[in-house]
Structure formats: C-alpha cells, structure tokens
Protein backbone atom coordinates (compact mmCIF):
# COMPACT_ATOMS: atom_id res chain seq x y z
CA MET A 1 -64.14 -50.82 63.65
CA ASN A 2 -60.47 -50.35 62.74
CA PRO A 3 -59.85 -46.65 61.86
CA VAL A 4 -57.72 -47.64 58.85
CA TYR A 5 -60.52 -49.86 57.57
CA GLN A 6 -63.01 -47.04 58.08
CA LEU A 7 -60.84 -44.67 56.07
CA LEU A 8 -60.49 -47.23 53.28
CA ARG A 9 -64.27 -47.59 53.13
CA LEU A 10 -64.63 -43.84 52.74
CA VAL A 11 -61.88 -43.64 50.11
CA ARG A 12 -63.36 -46.49 48.07
CA SER A 13 -66.95 -45.35 48.48
CA PRO A 14 -68.65 -44.43 45.17
CA GLY A 15 -70.49 -41.62 46.94
CA TRP A 16 -69.69 -37.99 47.60
CA SER A 17 -67.37 -38.74 50.53
CA GLY A 18 -64.92 -40.57 48.27
CA ASP A 19 -65.12 -37.77 45.71
CA VAL A 20 -64.33 -35.11 48.32
CA ILE A 21 -61.34 -37.14 49.51
CA ALA A 22 -60.17 -37.39 45.89
CA LEU A 23 -60.51 -33.62 45.49
CA LEU A 24 -58.41 -33.02 48.59
CA ALA A 25 -55.93 -35.70 47.53
CA GLY A 26 -55.31 -33.90 44.26
CA ALA A 27 -54.47 -30.72 46.15
CA LEU A 28 -51.95 -32.65 48.28
CA THR A 29 -49.79 -33.17 45.19
CA THR A 30 -49.38 -29.41 44.78
CA LEU A 31 -48.07 -29.24 48.35
CA SER A 32 -45.37 -31.72 47.38
CA PHE A 33 -43.87 -29.28 44.87
CA THR A 34 -41.84 -26.11 45.42
CA PRO A 35 -42.31 -23.84 47.36
CA PHE A 36 -43.91 -26.22 49.88
CA ASP A 37 -41.73 -29.29 49.17
CA ILE A 38 -43.68 -31.69 51.41
CA TRP A 39 -42.79 -34.56 49.09
CA PRO A 40 -44.43 -37.45 51.05
CA LEU A 41 -47.80 -35.90 50.21
CA ALA A 42 -47.25 -36.90 46.56
CA LEU A 43 -47.18 -40.54 47.70
CA VAL A 44 -50.29 -40.05 49.83
CA SER A 45 -52.13 -38.41 46.93
CA ALA A 46 -51.31 -41.19 44.47
CA ALA A 47 -52.22 -43.90 47.00
CA LEU A 48 -55.58 -42.27 47.72
CA LEU A 49 -56.45 -42.13 44.01
CA TYR A 50 -55.29 -45.73 43.48
CA GLN A 51 -57.43 -46.97 46.34
CA GLY A 52 -60.25 -44.58 45.43
CA VAL A 53 -60.91 -46.25 42.07
CA ARG A 54 -60.31 -49.81 43.28
CA GLU A 55 -63.97 -50.84 43.36
CA LEU A 56 -65.67 -48.31 41.06
CA ASN A 57 -67.23 -48.88 37.68
CA GLY A 58 -66.15 -46.87 34.66
CA ARG A 59 -68.57 -43.97 35.10
CA GLN A 60 -67.83 -43.64 38.81
CA ALA A 61 -64.07 -43.79 38.21
CA LEU A 62 -64.38 -41.08 35.56
CA TRP A 63 -65.97 -38.74 38.08
CA ARG A 64 -63.50 -39.72 40.82
CA GLY A 65 -60.52 -39.03 38.56
CA TRP A 66 -62.02 -35.69 37.54
CA CYS A 67 -62.40 -34.68 41.19
CA TRP A 68 -58.78 -35.59 41.84
CA GLY A 69 -57.62 -33.64 38.76
CA LEU A 70 -59.76 -30.68 39.80
CA GLY A 71 -58.00 -30.60 43.15
CA LEU A 72 -54.57 -30.85 41.51
CA PHE A 73 -54.99 -28.16 38.87
CA LEU A 74 -57.14 -25.80 40.94
CA SER A 75 -54.46 -25.69 43.63
CA GLY A 76 -51.47 -26.02 41.30
CA ILE A 77 -52.12 -23.62 38.41
CA SER A 78 -54.50 -21.06 39.91
CA TRP A 79 -51.81 -18.50 39.08
CA VAL A 80 -53.24 -18.52 35.55
CA TYR A 81 -55.83 -16.13 36.96
CA VAL A 82 -53.06 -13.55 37.50
CA SER A 83 -52.05 -13.76 33.85
CA ILE A 84 -55.61 -13.39 32.61
CA HIS A 85 -56.88 -10.72 35.01
CA VAL A 86 -53.86 -8.59 35.89
CA HIS A 87 -51.93 -8.76 32.62
CA GLY A 88 -54.74 -9.80 30.28
CA TYR A 89 -57.09 -7.08 31.54
CA ALA A 90 -60.04 -9.46 31.87
CA PRO A 91 -62.65 -8.58 34.53
CA PRO A 92 -62.38 -10.73 37.69
CA ALA A 93 -65.50 -12.77 36.90
CA LEU A 94 -64.38 -13.50 33.35
CA ALA A 95 -60.83 -14.30 34.48
CA ALA A 96 -62.20 -16.70 37.08
CA LEU A 97 -64.43 -18.30 34.46
CA LEU A 98 -61.56 -18.79 31.99
CA THR A 99 -59.28 -20.14 34.73
CA GLY A 100 -62.02 -22.51 35.89
CA GLY A 101 -62.56 -23.69 32.33
CA LEU A 102 -58.86 -24.48 31.92
CA VAL A 103 -58.73 -26.31 35.24
CA ALA A 104 -61.89 -28.31 34.50
CA GLY A 105 -60.60 -29.19 31.03
CA LEU A 106 -57.22 -30.37 32.28
CA ALA A 107 -58.95 -32.46 34.95
CA LEU A 108 -60.53 -34.49 32.15
CA ILE A 109 -57.12 -36.05 31.42
CA PRO A 110 -56.71 -37.91 34.75
CA ALA A 111 -60.46 -38.56 34.62
CA THR A 112 -60.05 -40.34 31.31
CA ALA A 113 -57.16 -42.33 32.75
CA THR A 114 -59.16 -43.56 35.74
CA TRP A 115 -62.09 -44.40 33.47
CA ILE A 116 -59.81 -46.51 31.26
CA TRP A 117 -58.37 -48.15 34.37
CA ALA A 118 -61.75 -49.16 35.75
CA ARG A 119 -63.27 -50.09 32.39
CA TRP A 120 -60.46 -52.08 30.74
CA LEU A 121 -57.26 -52.36 32.79
CA ARG A 122 -57.80 -52.97 36.51
CA PRO A 123 -56.54 -56.56 36.99
CA GLY A 124 -58.59 -57.62 39.99
CA GLN A 125 -56.64 -59.03 42.93
CA HIS A 126 -53.28 -59.19 41.12
CA GLY A 127 -51.58 -56.74 43.48
CA TRP A 128 -48.17 -56.49 41.82
CA LEU A 129 -49.56 -56.03 38.34
CA ALA A 130 -52.18 -53.59 39.62
CA CYS A 131 -49.49 -51.40 41.21
CA GLY A 132 -47.29 -51.49 38.12
CA GLY A 133 -50.20 -51.01 35.73
CA PHE A 134 -51.60 -48.02 37.63
CA ALA A 135 -48.15 -46.38 37.70
CA ALA A 136 -47.79 -47.07 33.96
CA LEU A 137 -51.19 -45.50 33.22
CA TRP A 138 -50.21 -42.49 35.34
CA VAL A 139 -47.09 -41.94 33.24
CA ALA A 140 -49.08 -42.52 30.04
CA GLN A 141 -51.46 -39.68 30.87
CA GLU A 142 -48.47 -37.46 31.66
CA PHE A 143 -46.96 -38.37 28.28
CA PHE A 144 -50.29 -37.47 26.67
CA ARG A 145 -50.41 -34.15 28.50
CA SER A 146 -46.99 -33.24 27.11
CA TRP A 147 -48.22 -33.02 23.50
CA PHE A 148 -52.04 -32.84 23.34
CA LEU A 149 -53.04 -29.39 21.98
CA THR A 150 -49.33 -28.39 22.08
CA GLY A 151 -49.07 -29.76 25.62
CA PHE A 152 -49.32 -28.59 29.21
CA PRO A 153 -46.49 -30.52 30.94
CA TRP A 154 -46.91 -28.96 34.38
CA LEU A 155 -47.28 -30.62 37.82
CA TYR A 156 -45.74 -33.98 36.95
CA GLN A 157 -45.44 -36.40 39.87
CA GLY A 158 -41.69 -36.76 39.46
CA TYR A 159 -41.04 -33.09 40.28
CA ALA A 160 -41.98 -33.80 43.89
CA HIS A 161 -38.74 -35.80 44.12
CA THR A 162 -36.26 -33.19 42.89
CA ASP A 163 -34.62 -33.39 46.32
CA THR A 164 -35.34 -37.01 47.30
CA TRP A 165 -33.45 -40.23 46.57
CA LEU A 166 -35.74 -40.98 43.63
CA VAL A 167 -34.11 -38.15 41.67
CA GLY A 168 -31.15 -40.47 41.10
CA TRP A 169 -33.29 -42.22 38.49
CA ALA A 170 -33.93 -39.03 36.49
CA PRO A 171 -30.70 -39.23 34.42
CA LEU A 172 -31.89 -42.69 33.31
CA GLY A 173 -35.52 -42.01 32.47
CA GLY A 174 -36.23 -38.36 33.14
CA VAL A 175 -38.90 -36.91 35.37
CA TRP A 176 -41.29 -39.57 34.05
CA LEU A 177 -39.25 -42.45 35.48
CA ALA A 178 -39.05 -40.69 38.84
CA GLY A 179 -42.82 -40.22 38.67
CA PHE A 180 -43.42 -43.86 37.71
CA LEU A 181 -41.36 -45.11 40.66
CA SER A 182 -43.10 -42.64 42.98
CA VAL A 183 -46.59 -43.83 42.01
CA PHE A 184 -45.52 -47.49 42.04
CA SER A 185 -44.13 -47.00 45.56
CA ALA A 186 -47.34 -45.31 46.70
CA CYS A 187 -49.51 -48.10 45.30
CA LEU A 188 -47.26 -50.77 46.78
CA LEU A 189 -47.36 -49.20 50.24
CA SER A 190 -51.16 -49.07 50.14
CA GLU A 191 -51.67 -52.57 48.69
CA GLY A 192 -52.86 -54.50 51.73
CA THR A 193 -53.27 -57.78 49.82
CA LEU A 194 -49.48 -57.95 49.49
CA TRP A 195 -48.48 -56.96 53.01
CA ARG A 196 -50.85 -59.47 54.62
CA ARG A 197 -48.79 -62.35 53.24
CA ARG A 198 -45.30 -62.70 54.61
CA ALA A 199 -43.53 -63.66 51.38
CA HIS A 200 -45.20 -60.94 49.33
CA GLY A 201 -44.68 -58.39 52.07
CA LEU A 202 -40.98 -59.21 52.19
CA ALA A 203 -40.77 -58.90 48.40
CA ALA A 204 -42.60 -55.55 48.53
CA ALA A 205 -40.24 -54.23 51.21
CA THR A 206 -37.24 -55.41 49.19
CA SER A 207 -38.59 -53.68 46.08
CA LEU A 208 -39.06 -50.40 47.91
CA ILE A 209 -35.56 -50.58 49.33
CA ALA A 210 -34.18 -51.30 45.86
CA ILE A 211 -36.10 -48.39 44.30
CA TRP A 212 -35.23 -45.77 46.90
CA GLY A 213 -31.80 -47.08 47.84
CA GLY A 214 -30.95 -47.53 44.17
CA GLY A 215 -31.91 -43.92 43.55
CA ALA A 216 -29.62 -42.77 46.35
CA LEU A 217 -26.71 -44.73 44.85
CA LEU A 218 -27.43 -43.51 41.31
CA ALA A 219 -27.42 -39.91 42.54
CA GLN A 220 -23.71 -40.34 43.28
CA VAL A 221 -22.88 -41.27 39.67
CA GLU A 222 -21.20 -38.60 37.52
CA TRP A 223 -22.81 -39.20 34.13
CA THR A 224 -21.00 -36.28 32.46
CA GLN A 225 -17.51 -34.76 32.66
CA PRO A 226 -16.23 -31.15 32.75
CA ILE A 227 -14.83 -29.77 29.52
CA GLY A 228 -12.58 -26.73 29.40
CA LYS A 229 -12.40 -24.04 32.05
CA PRO A 230 -15.40 -22.73 34.02
CA LEU A 231 -17.06 -19.63 32.57
CA THR A 232 -17.90 -16.52 34.51
CA VAL A 233 -21.43 -15.25 33.89
CA ALA A 234 -23.51 -12.19 34.76
CA LEU A 235 -27.31 -12.42 34.56
CA ILE A 236 -29.19 -9.13 34.36
CA GLN A 237 -32.55 -9.06 36.17
CA ALA A 238 -33.95 -5.65 35.24
CA ASP A 239 -37.39 -6.16 36.86
CA ILE A 240 -39.32 -4.35 34.11
CA GLU A 241 -43.04 -4.14 34.89
CA GLN A 242 -45.10 -6.32 32.56
CA SER A 243 -47.66 -3.53 32.11
CA ARG A 244 -44.94 -1.22 30.74
CA LYS A 245 -42.80 -3.75 28.89
CA TRP A 246 -44.26 -3.08 25.44
CA ASP A 247 -45.18 0.57 26.04
CA PRO A 248 -43.38 2.63 23.35
CA ALA A 249 -42.92 5.44 25.86
CA HIS A 250 -41.04 3.09 28.18
CA ILE A 251 -38.70 1.43 25.67
CA ASP A 252 -35.87 3.95 26.07
CA TYR A 253 -35.91 3.41 29.83
CA THR A 254 -35.81 -0.36 29.39
CA LEU A 255 -32.86 -0.30 26.99
CA ALA A 256 -30.99 2.20 29.14
CA THR A 257 -31.51 0.01 32.20
CA TYR A 258 -30.02 -3.03 30.50
CA ARG A 259 -27.18 -0.94 29.08
CA ASP A 260 -26.20 0.61 32.39
CA MET A 261 -26.52 -2.62 34.39
CA THR A 262 -24.48 -4.51 31.79
CA TYR A 263 -21.53 -2.12 31.52
CA ALA A 264 -20.97 -2.54 35.24
CA GLN A 265 -20.26 -6.29 34.80
CA GLN A 266 -17.09 -8.27 34.13
CA ALA A 267 -17.81 -11.80 32.86
CA ASP A 268 -17.32 -14.21 29.96
CA LEU A 269 -21.07 -14.19 29.29
CA VAL A 270 -23.73 -11.58 29.99
CA LEU A 271 -27.32 -12.81 29.73
CA TRP A 272 -30.45 -10.72 29.28
CA PRO A 273 -33.84 -12.46 29.76
CA GLU A 274 -36.70 -13.27 27.38
CA THR A 275 -37.63 -10.36 25.07
CA ALA A 276 -35.38 -8.10 27.13
CA VAL A 277 -35.13 -5.95 24.01
CA PRO A 278 -38.80 -4.97 23.38
CA VAL A 279 -38.07 -3.93 19.79
CA LEU A 280 -38.09 -6.01 16.61
CA SER A 281 -34.61 -7.19 15.69
CA SER A 282 -34.62 -5.31 12.37
CA ASN A 283 -34.81 -2.04 14.36
CA ALA A 284 -32.87 -3.09 17.45
CA MET A 285 -29.70 -4.48 15.85
CA PRO A 286 -27.74 -1.20 15.92
CA PHE A 287 -28.26 -1.01 19.70
CA VAL A 288 -27.65 -4.71 20.34
CA GLN A 289 -24.61 -5.01 18.11
CA GLY A 290 -23.19 -1.78 19.47
CA MET A 291 -23.48 -3.19 23.00
CA ALA A 292 -21.93 -6.47 21.85
CA ALA A 293 -18.98 -4.71 20.18
CA ASN A 294 -18.21 -2.70 23.30
CA LEU A 295 -18.44 -5.78 25.52
CA ALA A 296 -16.26 -7.81 23.16
CA GLN A 297 -13.39 -5.42 23.85
CA GLN A 298 -13.29 -6.76 27.41
CA GLY A 299 -13.79 -10.39 26.33
CA THR A 300 -17.52 -10.53 27.11
CA THR A 301 -20.22 -12.10 24.93
CA LEU A 302 -23.76 -10.72 25.07
CA ILE A 303 -26.76 -13.08 24.83
CA THR A 304 -30.25 -11.59 24.81
CA GLY A 305 -33.87 -12.41 24.28
CA ILE A 306 -35.31 -10.43 21.38
CA PRO A 307 -38.30 -10.60 19.00
CA VAL A 308 -36.93 -11.58 15.58
CA ASP A 309 -38.69 -10.47 12.43
CA GLN A 310 -37.95 -12.33 9.18
CA ARG A 311 -39.52 -12.78 5.77
CA ASP A 312 -40.24 -16.35 4.74
CA SER A 313 -39.77 -17.81 1.25
CA ASP A 314 -43.16 -16.38 0.20
CA GLY A 315 -42.16 -12.89 1.27
CA GLN A 316 -44.53 -12.90 4.26
CA MET A 317 -43.25 -11.19 7.41
CA ARG A 318 -43.11 -13.42 10.50
CA ILE A 319 -42.14 -12.54 14.06
CA TYR A 320 -40.46 -15.04 16.36
CA ASN A 321 -39.62 -15.09 20.05
CA GLY A 322 -35.86 -15.43 19.82
CA ILE A 323 -32.62 -15.60 21.73
CA MET A 324 -29.48 -14.20 20.12
CA VAL A 325 -25.74 -14.38 20.67
CA ALA A 326 -24.76 -10.90 19.52
CA GLY A 327 -21.43 -9.88 18.04
CA GLU A 328 -19.33 -10.73 15.00
CA ASN A 329 -20.40 -14.39 15.02
CA THR A 330 -24.11 -13.88 15.57
CA SER A 331 -26.23 -16.97 16.16
CA GLN A 332 -29.86 -17.17 17.12
CA TYR A 333 -32.58 -19.59 18.14
CA LEU A 334 -36.30 -19.13 17.43
CA LYS A 335 -38.75 -20.44 20.03
CA HIS A 336 -40.60 -23.58 18.94
CA LYS A 337 -42.91 -24.31 21.90
CA LEU A 338 -45.26 -21.34 22.08
CA VAL A 339 -47.63 -20.47 24.94
CA PRO A 340 -51.30 -20.49 23.85
CA PHE A 341 -52.89 -17.01 24.08
CA GLY A 342 -49.66 -15.50 25.43
CA GLU A 343 -47.66 -15.97 22.20
CA TYR A 344 -50.27 -17.15 19.72
CA VAL A 345 -54.06 -17.30 19.71
CA PRO A 346 -55.78 -20.56 18.74
CA LEU A 347 -58.78 -19.97 16.47
CA GLU A 348 -57.39 -16.50 15.91
CA ASP A 349 -59.99 -15.44 13.35
CA VAL A 350 -62.77 -16.14 15.85
CA LEU A 351 -61.25 -14.95 19.13
CA ARG A 352 -59.32 -11.82 18.14
CA GLY A 353 -61.16 -8.72 19.30
CA LEU A 354 -63.61 -10.44 21.65
CA ILE A 355 -61.80 -9.39 24.84
CA ALA A 356 -58.46 -7.73 25.61
CA PHE A 357 -56.96 -11.05 26.73
CA PHE A 358 -57.08 -12.30 23.13
CA ASP A 359 -55.21 -9.20 21.92
CA LEU A 360 -52.20 -9.14 24.23
CA PRO A 361 -49.05 -7.42 22.94
CA MET A 362 -46.80 -9.81 20.98
CA SER A 363 -49.41 -12.60 20.96
CA ASN A 364 -48.85 -13.27 17.25
CA PHE A 365 -45.46 -15.01 17.32
CA SER A 366 -44.72 -17.67 14.71
CA ARG A 367 -43.34 -21.06 15.66
CA GLY A 368 -39.63 -21.58 15.08
CA PRO A 369 -38.33 -24.71 13.31
CA ALA A 370 -38.36 -27.96 15.30
CA GLN A 371 -34.73 -28.68 14.37
CA GLN A 372 -32.27 -25.90 15.19
CA ALA A 373 -28.57 -25.87 15.99
CA PRO A 374 -27.33 -24.95 19.48
CA LEU A 375 -26.10 -21.45 20.15
CA GLU A 376 -22.33 -20.87 19.97
CA ALA A 377 -20.77 -18.64 22.62
CA ALA A 378 -17.40 -18.45 24.40
CA GLY A 379 -16.21 -21.52 22.55
CA HIS A 380 -19.08 -23.72 23.76
CA ARG A 381 -22.43 -24.98 22.52
CA LEU A 382 -25.45 -23.81 24.51
CA ALA A 383 -28.88 -25.48 24.48
CA PRO A 384 -31.37 -22.56 24.32
CA LEU A 385 -34.71 -22.91 26.12
CA ILE A 386 -37.09 -19.97 26.08
CA CYS A 387 -39.50 -19.84 29.03
CA TYR A 388 -42.18 -22.52 28.53
CA GLU A 389 -39.79 -24.77 26.61
CA THR A 390 -38.02 -25.64 29.86
CA VAL A 391 -40.99 -27.76 30.98
CA TYR A 392 -40.90 -30.20 28.02
CA PRO A 393 -38.66 -33.14 29.06
CA ASP A 394 -38.13 -34.77 25.65
CA PHE A 395 -37.75 -31.47 23.82
CA ALA A 396 -35.15 -30.16 26.25
CA ALA A 397 -33.26 -33.46 26.17
CA ARG A 398 -32.80 -33.30 22.40
CA LEU A 399 -31.28 -29.83 22.64
CA ALA A 400 -29.15 -30.72 25.66
CA ALA A 401 -27.64 -33.76 23.93
CA GLU A 402 -26.02 -31.45 21.36
CA SER A 403 -24.71 -28.95 23.89
CA GLU A 404 -22.41 -28.46 26.87
CA LEU A 405 -24.50 -25.95 28.81
CA LEU A 406 -28.21 -25.23 29.19
CA ILE A 407 -29.36 -21.64 28.93
CA SER A 408 -32.90 -20.67 29.82
CA ILE A 409 -34.42 -17.21 29.51
CA SER A 410 -37.87 -16.40 30.80
CA ASN A 411 -40.29 -13.64 31.66
CA ASP A 412 -42.18 -15.02 34.65
CA SER A 413 -43.79 -11.63 35.26
CA TRP A 414 -46.97 -13.24 33.93
CA PHE A 415 -47.20 -15.30 37.15
CA GLY A 416 -47.11 -12.31 39.50
CA LYS A 417 -46.28 -13.15 43.12
CA SER A 418 -47.78 -16.61 42.85
CA ILE A 419 -46.19 -20.05 43.19
CA GLY A 420 -45.84 -20.27 39.39
CA PRO A 421 -42.24 -18.96 39.11
CA LEU A 422 -41.07 -21.29 41.88
CA GLN A 423 -42.67 -24.30 40.18
CA HIS A 424 -40.96 -23.20 36.96
CA LEU A 425 -37.61 -23.07 38.75
CA GLN A 426 -38.09 -26.61 40.07
CA MET A 427 -38.72 -27.89 36.57
CA ALA A 428 -35.58 -26.13 35.34
CA ARG A 429 -33.63 -27.92 38.08
CA MET A 430 -34.97 -31.26 36.83
CA ARG A 431 -33.78 -30.49 33.29
CA ALA A 432 -30.25 -29.96 34.66
CA ILE A 433 -30.42 -33.27 36.57
CA GLU A 434 -31.71 -35.22 33.58
CA SER A 435 -29.01 -33.92 31.26
CA GLY A 436 -26.08 -33.74 33.68
CA ARG A 437 -25.48 -30.14 32.59
CA TRP A 438 -25.33 -26.77 34.27
CA MET A 439 -28.14 -24.34 33.58
CA ILE A 440 -27.88 -20.55 33.28
CA ARG A 441 -31.39 -19.24 34.02
CA GLY A 442 -32.06 -15.55 33.40
CA THR A 443 -35.45 -13.96 34.06
CA ASN A 444 -36.97 -10.49 34.06
CA ASN A 445 -38.03 -10.47 37.71
CA GLY A 446 -37.13 -13.92 39.08
CA VAL A 447 -36.24 -16.56 39.69
CA THR A 448 -32.80 -15.83 38.21
CA ALA A 449 -30.39 -18.62 39.19
CA LEU A 450 -27.40 -20.78 38.35
CA ILE A 451 -28.06 -24.52 38.62
CA ASP A 452 -25.35 -27.18 38.64
CA HIS A 453 -25.43 -30.55 36.86
CA GLN A 454 -27.02 -32.22 39.90
CA GLY A 455 -29.85 -29.72 40.16
CA HIS A 456 -28.42 -27.72 43.05
CA ILE A 457 -28.89 -23.95 42.96
CA THR A 458 -25.41 -22.48 43.34
CA ALA A 459 -26.49 -18.83 43.17
CA ARG A 460 -29.75 -16.87 42.92
CA ILE A 461 -31.08 -13.37 43.51
CA PRO A 462 -34.41 -12.35 45.09
CA GLN A 463 -37.52 -11.96 43.00
CA PHE A 464 -38.86 -8.53 42.11
CA THR A 465 -35.52 -6.79 42.55
CA GLN A 466 -33.31 -5.05 40.02
CA ALA A 467 -29.98 -6.82 40.34
CA ALA A 468 -27.24 -8.75 38.56
CA LEU A 469 -26.29 -12.32 39.44
CA HIS A 470 -22.61 -13.24 39.24
CA GLY A 471 -21.18 -16.74 39.30
CA GLN A 472 -19.39 -19.52 37.47
CA VAL A 473 -20.74 -22.38 35.38
CA GLU A 474 -18.97 -25.54 34.25
CA PRO A 475 -19.44 -26.75 30.66
CA ARG A 476 -19.82 -30.55 30.60
CA GLU A 477 -19.75 -33.25 27.94
CA GLY A 478 -21.07 -36.80 27.77
CA LEU A 479 -24.58 -38.21 27.60
CA THR A 480 -26.76 -39.45 30.42
CA PRO A 481 -28.90 -42.50 29.55
CA TRP A 482 -31.86 -40.12 29.31
CA LEU A 483 -30.12 -38.01 26.67
CA ARG A 484 -28.98 -41.12 24.82
CA TRP A 485 -32.25 -43.06 24.70
CA GLY A 486 -34.95 -40.59 25.71
CA SER A 487 -38.32 -41.90 26.85
CA TRP A 488 -38.33 -45.02 24.66
CA PRO A 489 -37.26 -47.56 27.33
CA LEU A 490 -39.81 -46.27 29.82
CA GLY A 491 -42.42 -46.06 27.07
CA ALA A 492 -41.83 -49.73 26.25
CA LEU A 493 -42.22 -50.66 29.93
CA VAL A 494 -45.46 -48.68 30.15
CA VAL A 495 -46.89 -50.45 27.10
CA MET A 496 -45.89 -53.89 28.43
CA LEU A 497 -47.51 -53.27 31.81
CA LEU A 498 -50.71 -51.93 30.27
CA LEU A 499 -50.94 -54.88 27.88
CA GLY A 500 -50.38 -57.20 30.84
CA CYS A 501 -53.30 -55.57 32.63
CA VAL A 502 -55.51 -55.98 29.57
CA PHE A 503 -54.56 -59.66 29.24
CA VAL A 504 -55.24 -60.50 32.89
CA ARG A 505 -58.47 -58.48 32.90
CA ARG A 506 -59.81 -60.42 29.90
CA LYS A 507 -58.65 -63.74 31.28
CA HIS A 508 -60.49 -63.33 34.56
C-alpha cells in the first residue's frame, strides 16, 4: 500500500491513532514560532488537522480538535507554570493542575471549531470551498480567542510567517490575513481531489504562486513615510528580580539603579520598563519629576512605567498600571487590557485568600479607559502598549493609527527563562509590520529591542543582564490598509466563505 495513503488513513481514522497524530500536530505549530522558527511546520500542522477531521462526525471532530489544541497550548504556553509556581508561590502539584486546567480550557476553542466544521460546515467534495471555509473557520476561532473572557490572543498561525513571504500581507489584513493564507495554503497542498485533475491542479499551483509571490512583492511596498529627524533612544534594562520588585526593603535599590543607569545616557528619549517605579505615583512624583527635570537640561525626555493612583468621580481610590511621559508637559496612559490573576482577579470575592497565587502584589489594578490619546514626547505622538496589550492586533492598530511611533513596555520576568519572552517579541515585531511603524520595546530583563517598520530587529541586548540599549528610531506617518480598515474586510470574507459552506452543505 502507498505510504502516503497509509498515513492519510491514520490521520483520518476516528480512533486513537488519529487523535495522537492530532496531538503531535498541535505541538508542531509551536515549533514554527520563535525561538524555533521552523515555519513549514505550521503548514504541516494545519494540513494534518484539516485532513484529520475530513471524515469524522461532530462528536469525533470535537475530540480531535481538542487533542490538537491540547498539543498546541501544552507546548506553546507551558511557561504559565513558571508564573504560577515560581512567582505565584503555588506548590508544584497545584501549579501543574492550574496550568493543565488553562491548557485544557483553551483547547476547547479549536475543539468547538472542528465540531462546527464537521456538524454544519464541511462541504463534502467541494475542494476549493472546503479549503477556503476551513481557513475562514480557523481565523474565526482566532478572532473569538482575542476577546472571549478578555481574550488570550497568543499562538496565532500568522506569527509563524513573521519572516516568510506571507508577512507581506500583514499590512493589508494583519496577522489574521497571514494566518488565513497560511491555512488556506496548507489545505490546498493537502487536497488530493484538486491535484489529481490537471486543470484544478494548475489552478491550485497558480493560486499558491499568487499568494506567496504576492506576499513577497507586497513586502517591498513602503506603506508609510518618515517624518522629521530620527530620534536617539536609550532603553534601561535594570534586571530587577521579580521576587524583590515589590519588596519595600528593595525599593531604594531599584530607584537608585534606574537613576544611576539613566544619568549615564545621552539620548532624546530614555525609556524605563513596565512598573519600573514600584511606588504609587502620588508618592513617586518628586523622584520621577526630579529625574525628568535634570534630564530635560540635556534635552532628554524620560518615559517610565509606574502604578498610577487616582480617585474617581465617586471619591473611590483606583490604581492603574500606567506609562508616563515625565516633565513639564506630563502625559500618561493607563493600561486597558489587563492580565487575569496577574493584574486583576476574576471572581475576586471568592478567590482572594485561597492560595498565594490569588494574592500577588499589585493584582488589583483597575482597567484604564478604552479611548485614550497617544503620548506626546520629543515632538511626536507615541502609541503606548503595556506588556500584554502588544498581543491584541485590533487594539494595537487603533492606537498606532493615531501615532508615529510604537512604544511597548513590559515586565517579562513572569515568564522566567522560558520561550514566553521570545514569543512576545515575535508578536511585537508583527505589530510593527502591520502598522508600518518603528517600535521601542523596553523590558525589565528582556527582550529589550528596537524594531523597524518592517519588523526587523535593529538592536537588542541579552536577556537577564543589567544594561542600556542605545539606538535610533524613525518616526513615520501614513496608514497601512490594516490601520485604515482594520479586520473588517477579512471578517467579511470569513463570513462569506462560512455562509458558502453552510449553503453547499444543506444543498447536498
């Protein structure tokens, strides 16, 4: 028997062999992302899932999709264990249980998608529509994952193509369009019913050439233009241990470290990372503004992460995770996309006090307004993204459209020495590509980097070192199609393809 045919039988089998292949296929997607960057594995993974649910009923496809999702999230976000055990002080068994629960829960999202595919959408032998419809459903579940329960927009298919020709499509439709074309390509390559007929095979080959070759051509387009002179920047990576960050006995050391490292710099902008100042703004302003005044004498503007305490209209005190341009013309941004359990605790009245993980320092931040103005510094508008906010494509696009530079501050100490910080860096690169803007990315212990408008890293410093990164960034103006129209065009295409699948399924 033909080995390819044997493999297809195993992949399509409703038994345990097909489920194990799906589990392994999910893990292949993680290997397509940074730091591994074996991008063809993303195509293999998608093709295996597409073929794996080709002949299954709804219940079988639900289980198959869950196995695939389990492989993806178990391999891709296992660094959550570090946050829970090392920094959340949960015992190993409990940390493993909580991590497993998160992974198993997230796997339900692709499982639901494959169930819907098998139950209502799969259009039989219509190969072209099946490929397009499956890719559309893939993007739909990624859309869903970006907002459900505040969202977990991690491990999107399109990130595997940050350095491939498909990235040329990102300024048109964001990471989601790159992901759609990736999955469509994978399905098309695996769709034997098309390749067995000469005319359809020729059309499929032409489509693949157009998709990948078109991406290569689009990558050469300059969607935005420089404005003004380049700015010199200095990013301070102080490498403060997470376990000592909020320790009152360690605060003087932290502030002194930032002070001494900063006064040694000469730049237009100096950037400190997320919550670099571990003191509420009402108490820290004399220190921050004093630093800013001294730096202003040499033409330098200080930007820092800082917890901001304010009273609302009812007189209630609220604390926000903020970023501030210090000095005479102070401006600030309050983080809107908060990390569950790290910055706020869902079901707080029930969970507080149960274990130390639910009582982490500064886990009671309030959510900043959805609509906020860009930061103003050195005569330019900066789109502020605090840590987790960098991974939301639509959210970042709205801020970028009003700005000339992207600025991201983060504290990736929560990830430890895992692959998490490197995945986070790759997503930051995609935000720069989508918007056609440079990104200044400052972190506590890495990865601190400067990223140009095409997603290339122009400068970086090693993780887990105390150092300052020097370089230049180029403010840019103009809107990419993604900034102008957002996800609406791709969303319309997704809906049309899914409706087409429903129509054909009912007809036949």
